[in-house]
PDB file of N, CA and C in Angstrom:
ATOM      1  N   MET A   1     -12.355  -2.850   0.974  1.00  0.00           N
ATOM      2  CA  MET A   1     -12.792  -2.479   2.295  1.00  0.00           C
ATOM      3  C   MET A   1     -12.409  -3.610   3.238  1.00  0.00           C
ATOM      4  N   LYS A   2     -11.787  -3.261   4.340  1.00  0.00           N
ATOM      5  CA  LYS A   2     -11.424  -4.250   5.357  1.00  0.00           C
ATOM      6  C   LYS A   2     -11.754  -3.661   6.719  1.00  0.00           C
ATOM      7  N   ASP A   3     -12.531  -4.389   7.481  1.00  0.00           N
ATOM      8  CA  ASP A   3     -12.944  -3.934   8.809  1.00  0.00           C
ATOM      9  C   ASP A   3     -13.554  -2.536   8.759  1.00  0.00           C
ATOM     10  N   GLY A   4     -14.316  -2.265   7.689  1.00  0.00           N
ATOM     11  CA  GLY A   4     -14.990  -0.985   7.551  1.00  0.00           C
ATOM     12  C   GLY A   4     -14.098   0.157   7.109  1.00  0.00           C
ATOM     13  N   ILE A   5     -12.835  -0.135   6.775  1.00  0.00           N
ATOM     14  CA  ILE A   5     -11.897   0.896   6.339  1.00  0.00           C
ATOM     15  C   ILE A   5     -11.566   0.662   4.870  1.00  0.00           C
ATOM     16  N   GLU A   6     -11.745   1.702   4.052  1.00  0.00           N
ATOM     17  CA  GLU A   6     -11.475   1.566   2.627  1.00  0.00           C
ATOM     18  C   GLU A   6      -9.978   1.411   2.392  1.00  0.00           C
ATOM     19  N   GLN A   7      -9.611   0.413   1.585  1.00  0.00           N
ATOM     20  CA  GLN A   7      -8.223   0.151   1.234  1.00  0.00           C
ATOM     21  C   GLN A   7      -8.001   0.642  -0.198  1.00  0.00           C
ATOM     22  N   ILE A   8      -7.033   1.515  -0.416  1.00  0.00           N
ATOM     23  CA  ILE A   8      -6.758   2.014  -1.755  1.00  0.00           C
ATOM     24  C   ILE A   8      -5.363   1.553  -2.154  1.00  0.00           C
ATOM     25  N   THR A   9      -5.308   0.720  -3.162  1.00  0.00           N
ATOM     26  CA  THR A   9      -4.043   0.217  -3.680  1.00  0.00           C
ATOM     27  C   THR A   9      -4.156   0.162  -5.188  1.00  0.00           C
ATOM     28  N   GLU A  10      -3.128   0.567  -5.876  1.00  0.00           N
ATOM     29  CA  GLU A  10      -3.156   0.548  -7.330  1.00  0.00           C
ATOM     30  C   GLU A  10      -2.301  -0.596  -7.856  1.00  0.00           C
ATOM     31  N   TYR A  11      -2.922  -1.420  -8.675  1.00  0.00           N
ATOM     32  CA  TYR A  11      -2.233  -2.506  -9.360  1.00  0.00           C
ATOM     33  C   TYR A  11      -2.497  -2.362 -10.849  1.00  0.00           C
ATOM     34  N   ASP A  12      -1.649  -2.977 -11.667  1.00  0.00           N
ATOM     35  CA  ASP A  12      -1.887  -2.974 -13.107  1.00  0.00           C
ATOM     36  C   ASP A  12      -3.129  -3.786 -13.446  1.00  0.00           C
ATOM     37  N   SER A  13      -3.313  -4.915 -12.758  1.00  0.00           N
ATOM     38  CA  SER A  13      -4.473  -5.789 -12.973  1.00  0.00           C
ATOM     39  C   SER A  13      -4.769  -6.553 -11.698  1.00  0.00           C
ATOM     40  N   ILE A  14      -6.026  -6.993 -11.580  1.00  0.00           N
ATOM     41  CA  ILE A  14      -6.440  -7.862 -10.481  1.00  0.00           C
ATOM     42  C   ILE A  14      -7.218  -9.018 -11.089  1.00  0.00           C
ATOM     43  N   TYR A  15      -6.916 -10.251 -10.655  1.00  0.00           N
ATOM     44  CA  TYR A  15      -7.538 -11.456 -11.191  1.00  0.00           C
ATOM     45  C   TYR A  15      -8.065 -12.332 -10.058  1.00  0.00           C
ATOM     46  N   ASN A  16      -9.003 -13.180 -10.396  1.00  0.00           N
ATOM     47  CA  ASN A  16      -9.430 -14.294  -9.555  1.00  0.00           C
ATOM     48  C   ASN A  16      -9.758 -13.907  -8.103  1.00  0.00           C
ATOM     49  N   PRO A  17     -10.633 -12.913  -7.879  1.00  0.00           N
ATOM     50  CA  PRO A  17     -11.014 -12.612  -6.497  1.00  0.00           C
ATOM     51  C   PRO A  17     -11.689 -13.825  -5.864  1.00  0.00           C
ATOM     52  N   THR A  18     -11.246 -14.209  -4.679  1.00  0.00           N
ATOM     53  CA  THR A  18     -11.684 -15.461  -4.065  1.00  0.00           C
ATOM     54  C   THR A  18     -11.903 -15.289  -2.567  1.00  0.00           C
ATOM     55  N   TYR A  19     -13.070 -15.706  -2.090  1.00  0.00           N
ATOM     56  CA  TYR A  19     -13.338 -15.758  -0.654  1.00  0.00           C
ATOM     57  C   TYR A  19     -13.062 -17.165  -0.149  1.00  0.00           C
ATOM     58  N   SER A  20     -12.608 -17.267   1.102  1.00  0.00           N
ATOM     59  CA  SER A  20     -12.503 -18.575   1.739  1.00  0.00           C
ATOM     60  C   SER A  20     -13.913 -19.135   1.884  1.00  0.00           C
ATOM     61  N   TYR A  21     -14.018 -20.431   2.112  1.00  0.00           N
ATOM     62  CA  TYR A  21     -15.325 -21.082   2.203  1.00  0.00           C
ATOM     63  C   TYR A  21     -16.189 -20.501   3.322  1.00  0.00           C
ATOM     64  N   ASP A  22     -15.571 -20.056   4.415  1.00  0.00           N
ATOM     65  CA  ASP A  22     -16.351 -19.479   5.513  1.00  0.00           C
ATOM     66  C   ASP A  22     -16.573 -17.976   5.352  1.00  0.00           C
ATOM     67  N   GLY A  23     -16.020 -17.390   4.289  1.00  0.00           N
ATOM     68  CA  GLY A  23     -16.221 -15.976   4.008  1.00  0.00           C
ATOM     69  C   GLY A  23     -15.402 -15.024   4.864  1.00  0.00           C
ATOM     70  N   ARG A  24     -14.497 -15.527   5.668  1.00  0.00           N
ATOM     71  CA  ARG A  24     -13.719 -14.669   6.566  1.00  0.00           C
ATOM     72  C   ARG A  24     -12.440 -14.130   5.946  1.00  0.00           C
ATOM     73  N   SER A  25     -11.992 -14.736   4.855  1.00  0.00           N
ATOM     74  CA  SER A  25     -10.748 -14.328   4.218  1.00  0.00           C
ATOM     75  C   SER A  25     -11.015 -14.037   2.745  1.00  0.00           C
ATOM     76  N   PHE A  26     -10.320 -13.034   2.204  1.00  0.00           N
ATOM     77  CA  PHE A  26     -10.491 -12.638   0.808  1.00  0.00           C
ATOM     78  C   PHE A  26      -9.118 -12.483   0.177  1.00  0.00           C
ATOM     79  N   SER A  27      -8.933 -13.099  -0.979  1.00  0.00           N
ATOM     80  CA  SER A  27      -7.651 -13.034  -1.681  1.00  0.00           C
ATOM     81  C   SER A  27      -7.880 -12.806  -3.163  1.00  0.00           C
ATOM     82  N   TYR A  28      -6.834 -12.333  -3.829  1.00  0.00           N
ATOM     83  CA  TYR A  28      -6.871 -12.181  -5.281  1.00  0.00           C
ATOM     84  C   TYR A  28      -5.440 -12.175  -5.801  1.00  0.00           C
ATOM     85  N   ILE A  29      -5.318 -12.341  -7.109  1.00  0.00           N
ATOM     86  CA  ILE A  29      -4.022 -12.266  -7.776  1.00  0.00           C
ATOM     87  C   ILE A  29      -3.890 -10.850  -8.328  1.00  0.00           C
ATOM     88  N   ALA A  30      -2.770 -10.208  -8.052  1.00  0.00           N
ATOM     89  CA  ALA A  30      -2.518  -8.859  -8.547  1.00  0.00           C
ATOM     90  C   ALA A  30      -1.292  -8.880  -9.453  1.00  0.00           C
ATOM     91  N   ARG A  31      -1.263  -7.929 -10.381  1.00  0.00           N
ATOM     92  CA  ARG A  31      -0.095  -7.764 -11.250  1.00  0.00           C
ATOM     93  C   ARG A  31       0.378  -6.324 -11.122  1.00  0.00           C
ATOM     94  N   LEU A  32       1.681  -6.164 -10.925  1.00  0.00           N
ATOM     95  CA  LEU A  32       2.286  -4.844 -10.815  1.00  0.00           C
ATOM     96  C   LEU A  32       3.707  -4.914 -11.349  1.00  0.00           C
ATOM     97  N   ASP A  33       4.021  -4.038 -12.266  1.00  0.00           N
ATOM     98  CA  ASP A  33       5.371  -3.962 -12.847  1.00  0.00           C
ATOM     99  C   ASP A  33       5.862  -5.302 -13.374  1.00  0.00           C
ATOM    100  N   GLY A  34       4.970  -6.056 -14.022  1.00  0.00           N
ATOM    101  CA  GLY A  34       5.346  -7.309 -14.660  1.00  0.00           C
ATOM    102  C   GLY A  34       5.413  -8.514 -13.742  1.00  0.00           C
ATOM    103  N   LYS A  35       5.154  -8.354 -12.470  1.00  0.00           N
ATOM    104  CA  LYS A  35       5.155  -9.474 -11.521  1.00  0.00           C
ATOM    105  C   LYS A  35       3.737  -9.739 -11.041  1.00  0.00           C
ATOM    106  N   LYS A  36       3.449 -11.006 -10.733  1.00  0.00           N
ATOM    107  CA  LYS A  36       2.151 -11.382 -10.183  1.00  0.00           C
ATOM    108  C   LYS A  36       2.350 -11.919  -8.772  1.00  0.00           C
ATOM    109  N   PHE A  37       1.342 -11.692  -7.940  1.00  0.00           N
ATOM    110  CA  PHE A  37       1.421 -12.111  -6.545  1.00  0.00           C
ATOM    111  C   PHE A  37       0.021 -12.175  -5.961  1.00  0.00           C
ATOM    112  N   ILE A  38      -0.092 -12.853  -4.837  1.00  0.00           N
ATOM    113  CA  ILE A  38      -1.360 -12.979  -4.136  1.00  0.00           C
ATOM    114  C   ILE A  38      -1.454 -11.863  -3.103  1.00  0.00           C
ATOM    115  N   VAL A  39      -2.638 -11.300  -2.988  1.00  0.00           N
ATOM    116  CA  VAL A  39      -2.943 -10.365  -1.908  1.00  0.00           C
ATOM    117  C   VAL A  39      -3.994 -11.064  -1.055  1.00  0.00           C
ATOM    118  N   LYS A  40      -3.624 -11.396   0.173  1.00  0.00           N
ATOM    119  CA  LYS A  40      -4.525 -12.120   1.080  1.00  0.00           C
ATOM    120  C   LYS A  40      -4.875 -11.218   2.247  1.00  0.00           C
ATOM    121  N   ASP A  41      -6.149 -10.903   2.351  1.00  0.00           N
ATOM    122  CA  ASP A  41      -6.634 -10.025   3.419  1.00  0.00           C
ATOM    123  C   ASP A  41      -5.831  -8.729   3.488  1.00  0.00           C
ATOM    124  N   GLY A  42      -5.514  -8.180   2.311  1.00  0.00           N
ATOM    125  CA  GLY A  42      -4.811  -6.905   2.225  1.00  0.00           C
ATOM    126  C   GLY A  42      -3.303  -6.988   2.337  1.00  0.00           C
ATOM    127  N   ILE A  43      -2.759  -8.176   2.535  1.00  0.00           N
ATOM    128  CA  ILE A  43      -1.310  -8.354   2.680  1.00  0.00           C
ATOM    129  C   ILE A  43      -0.739  -8.967   1.410  1.00  0.00           C
ATOM    130  N   GLU A  44       0.261  -8.309   0.829  1.00  0.00           N
ATOM    131  CA  GLU A  44       0.898  -8.813  -0.388  1.00  0.00           C
ATOM    132  C   GLU A  44       1.863  -9.941  -0.045  1.00  0.00           C
ATOM    133  N   LEU A  45       1.717 -11.063  -0.747  1.00  0.00           N
ATOM    134  CA  LEU A  45       2.621 -12.202  -0.594  1.00  0.00           C
ATOM    135  C   LEU A  45       3.749 -12.059  -1.616  1.00  0.00           C
ATOM    136  N   PRO A  46       4.759 -12.935  -1.599  1.00  0.00           N
ATOM    137  CA  PRO A  46       5.904 -12.794  -2.502  1.00  0.00           C
ATOM    138  C   PRO A  46       5.503 -12.702  -3.977  1.00  0.00           C
ATOM    139  N   LYS A  47       6.317 -11.964  -4.724  1.00  0.00           N
ATOM    140  CA  LYS A  47       6.060 -11.720  -6.147  1.00  0.00           C
ATOM    141  C   LYS A  47       6.778 -12.763  -7.005  1.00  0.00           C
ATOM    142  N   TYR A  48       6.104 -13.160  -8.096  1.00  0.00           N
ATOM    143  CA  TYR A  48       6.637 -14.149  -9.033  1.00  0.00           C
ATOM    144  C   TYR A  48       6.437 -13.653 -10.460  1.00  0.00           C
ATOM    145  N   ASP A  49       7.067 -14.341 -11.406  1.00  0.00           N
ATOM    146  CA  ASP A  49       6.833 -14.027 -12.814  1.00  0.00           C
ATOM    147  C   ASP A  49       5.378 -14.284 -13.185  1.00  0.00           C
ATOM    148  N   SER A  50       4.786 -15.299 -12.570  1.00  0.00           N
ATOM    149  CA  SER A  50       3.386 -15.625 -12.809  1.00  0.00           C
ATOM    150  C   SER A  50       2.807 -16.295 -11.572  1.00  0.00           C
ATOM    151  N   ALA A  51       1.507 -16.102 -11.355  1.00  0.00           N
ATOM    152  CA  ALA A  51       0.786 -16.773 -10.266  1.00  0.00           C
ATOM    153  C   ALA A  51      -0.634 -16.999 -10.757  1.00  0.00           C
ATOM    154  N   TYR A  52      -1.163 -18.194 -10.521  1.00  0.00           N
ATOM    155  CA  TYR A  52      -2.510 -18.507 -10.997  1.00  0.00           C
ATOM    156  C   TYR A  52      -3.093 -19.680 -10.226  1.00  0.00           C
ATOM    157  N   GLU A  53      -4.374 -19.963 -10.468  1.00  0.00           N
ATOM    158  CA  GLU A  53      -5.110 -21.070  -9.829  1.00  0.00           C
ATOM    159  C   GLU A  53      -5.171 -20.931  -8.313  1.00  0.00           C
ATOM    160  N   LEU A  54      -5.489 -19.754  -7.844  1.00  0.00           N
ATOM    161  CA  LEU A  54      -5.631 -19.481  -6.414  1.00  0.00           C
ATOM    162  C   LEU A  54      -6.800 -20.261  -5.835  1.00  0.00           C
ATOM    163  N   SER A  55      -6.583 -20.917  -4.686  1.00  0.00           N
ATOM    164  CA  SER A  55      -7.636 -21.735  -4.089  1.00  0.00           C
ATOM    165  C   SER A  55      -7.452 -21.850  -2.576  1.00  0.00           C
ATOM    166  N   TYR A  56      -8.573 -21.830  -1.859  1.00  0.00           N
ATOM    167  CA  TYR A  56      -8.583 -22.111  -0.422  1.00  0.00           C
ATOM    168  C   TYR A  56      -8.931 -23.575  -0.215  1.00  0.00           C
ATOM    169  N   SER A  57      -8.432 -24.158   0.863  1.00  0.00           N
ATOM    170  CA  SER A  57      -8.841 -25.520   1.222  1.00  0.00           C
ATOM    171  C   SER A  57     -10.251 -25.454   1.815  1.00  0.00           C
ATOM    172  N   PRO A  58     -11.016 -26.542   1.713  1.00  0.00           N
ATOM    173  CA  PRO A  58     -12.382 -26.541   2.247  1.00  0.00           C
ATOM    174  C   PRO A  58     -12.470 -26.240   3.745  1.00  0.00           C
ATOM    175  N   ASP A  59     -11.397 -26.530   4.505  1.00  0.00           N
ATOM    176  CA  ASP A  59     -11.415 -26.247   5.944  1.00  0.00           C
ATOM    177  C   ASP A  59     -10.951 -24.821   6.272  1.00  0.00           C
ATOM    178  N   ASN A  60     -10.684 -24.016   5.229  1.00  0.00           N
ATOM    179  CA  ASN A  60     -10.281 -22.608   5.359  1.00  0.00           C
ATOM    180  C   ASN A  60      -8.903 -22.400   5.977  1.00  0.00           C
ATOM    181  N   ILE A  61      -8.144 -23.453   6.190  1.00  0.00           N
ATOM    182  CA  ILE A  61      -6.843 -23.334   6.841  1.00  0.00           C
ATOM    183  C   ILE A  61      -5.738 -22.985   5.842  1.00  0.00           C
ATOM    184  N   SER A  62      -5.810 -23.544   4.643  1.00  0.00           N
ATOM    185  CA  SER A  62      -4.725 -23.375   3.679  1.00  0.00           C
ATOM    186  C   SER A  62      -5.166 -22.577   2.460  1.00  0.00           C
ATOM    187  N   ILE A  63      -4.190 -21.885   1.876  1.00  0.00           N
ATOM    188  CA  ILE A  63      -4.372 -21.221   0.593  1.00  0.00           C
ATOM    189  C   ILE A  63      -3.228 -21.694  -0.296  1.00  0.00           C
ATOM    190  N   ALA A  64      -3.549 -22.037  -1.523  1.00  0.00           N
ATOM    191  CA  ALA A  64      -2.528 -22.554  -2.435  1.00  0.00           C
ATOM    192  C   ALA A  64      -2.714 -21.936  -3.818  1.00  0.00           C
ATOM    193  N   TYR A  65      -1.622 -21.910  -4.571  1.00  0.00           N
ATOM    194  CA  TYR A  65      -1.662 -21.422  -5.948  1.00  0.00           C
ATOM    195  C   TYR A  65      -0.432 -21.939  -6.679  1.00  0.00           C
ATOM    196  N   ILE A  66      -0.457 -21.806  -7.981  1.00  0.00           N
ATOM    197  CA  ILE A  66       0.675 -22.193  -8.814  1.00  0.00           C
ATOM    198  C   ILE A  66       1.451 -20.927  -9.139  1.00  0.00           C
ATOM    199  N   ALA A  67       2.775 -20.993  -9.050  1.00  0.00           N
ATOM    200  CA  ALA A  67       3.627 -19.845  -9.340  1.00  0.00           C
ATOM    201  C   ALA A  67       4.746 -20.265 -10.283  1.00  0.00           C
ATOM    202  N   ARG A  68       5.255 -19.276 -10.997  1.00  0.00           N
ATOM    203  CA  ARG A  68       6.391 -19.515 -11.884  1.00  0.00           C
ATOM    204  C   ARG A  68       7.418 -18.424 -11.637  1.00  0.00           C
ATOM    205  N   SER A  69       8.674 -18.849 -11.535  1.00  0.00           N
ATOM    206  CA  SER A  69       9.791 -17.934 -11.396  1.00  0.00           C
ATOM    207  C   SER A  69      10.896 -18.430 -12.315  1.00  0.00           C
ATOM    208  N   GLY A  70      11.224 -17.637 -13.307  1.00  0.00           N
ATOM    209  CA  GLY A  70      12.193 -18.089 -14.306  1.00  0.00           C
ATOM    210  C   GLY A  70      11.647 -19.288 -15.046  1.00  0.00           C
ATOM    211  N   ASP A  71      12.427 -20.371 -15.104  1.00  0.00           N
ATOM    212  CA  ASP A  71      11.971 -21.574 -15.813  1.00  0.00           C
ATOM    213  C   ASP A  71      11.369 -22.613 -14.869  1.00  0.00           C
ATOM    214  N   LYS A  72      11.123 -22.254 -13.615  1.00  0.00           N
ATOM    215  CA  LYS A  72      10.565 -23.192 -12.636  1.00  0.00           C
ATOM    216  C   LYS A  72       9.108 -22.859 -12.344  1.00  0.00           C
ATOM    217  N   THR A  73       8.274 -23.896 -12.340  1.00  0.00           N
ATOM    218  CA  THR A  73       6.866 -23.772 -11.971  1.00  0.00           C
ATOM    219  C   THR A  73       6.632 -24.658 -10.761  1.00  0.00           C
ATOM    220  N   PHE A  74       5.901 -24.167  -9.774  1.00  0.00           N
ATOM    221  CA  PHE A  74       5.737 -24.901  -8.522  1.00  0.00           C
ATOM    222  C   PHE A  74       4.449 -24.476  -7.829  1.00  0.00           C
ATOM    223  N   VAL A  75       4.045 -25.270  -6.845  1.00  0.00           N
ATOM    224  CA  VAL A  75       2.882 -24.961  -6.018  1.00  0.00           C
ATOM    225  C   VAL A  75       3.363 -24.229  -4.769  1.00  0.00           C
ATOM    226  N   VAL A  76       2.636 -23.196  -4.387  1.00  0.00           N
ATOM    227  CA  VAL A  76       2.898 -22.481  -3.141  1.00  0.00           C
ATOM    228  C   VAL A  76       1.703 -22.732  -2.230  1.00  0.00           C
ATOM    229  N   LYS A  77       1.960 -23.280  -1.049  1.00  0.00           N
ATOM    230  CA  LYS A  77       0.897 -23.550  -0.080  1.00  0.00           C
ATOM    231  C   LYS A  77       1.245 -22.834   1.215  1.00  0.00           C
ATOM    232  N   ASN A  78       0.370 -21.965   1.639  1.00  0.00           N
ATOM    233  CA  ASN A  78       0.585 -21.178   2.861  1.00  0.00           C
ATOM    234  C   ASN A  78       1.942 -20.477   2.852  1.00  0.00           C
ATOM    235  N   GLY A  79       2.331 -19.966   1.689  1.00  0.00           N
ATOM    236  CA  GLY A  79       3.566 -19.209   1.558  1.00  0.00           C
ATOM    237  C   GLY A  79       4.823 -20.040   1.395  1.00  0.00           C
ATOM    238  N   VAL A  80       4.696 -21.374   1.370  1.00  0.00           N
ATOM    239  CA  VAL A  80       5.858 -22.256   1.242  1.00  0.00           C
ATOM    240  C   VAL A  80       5.876 -22.855  -0.159  1.00  0.00           C
ATOM    241  N   GLU A  81       6.995 -22.683  -0.854  1.00  0.00           N
ATOM    242  CA  GLU A  81       7.134 -23.230  -2.215  1.00  0.00           C
ATOM    243  C   GLU A  81       7.395 -24.717  -2.168  1.00  0.00           C
TER     244      GLU A  81
END
């Protein structure tokens, strides 16, 4: 539910539902067709082979997670690898 409107989306799995510290933003890790990605406030971010350790910064400005694509593992912060 976002802004009182029900959101219907089908994923293979959903992991790590996380609210920002101020409760204004909601994100989770989704898996679909073998790829994992972050869904932040209903918006799908880029897809990777794996994504995990989703976290908001205490000031609610940044969101970061660890992603893997092929043989590379890296941190993604605010959508920047």
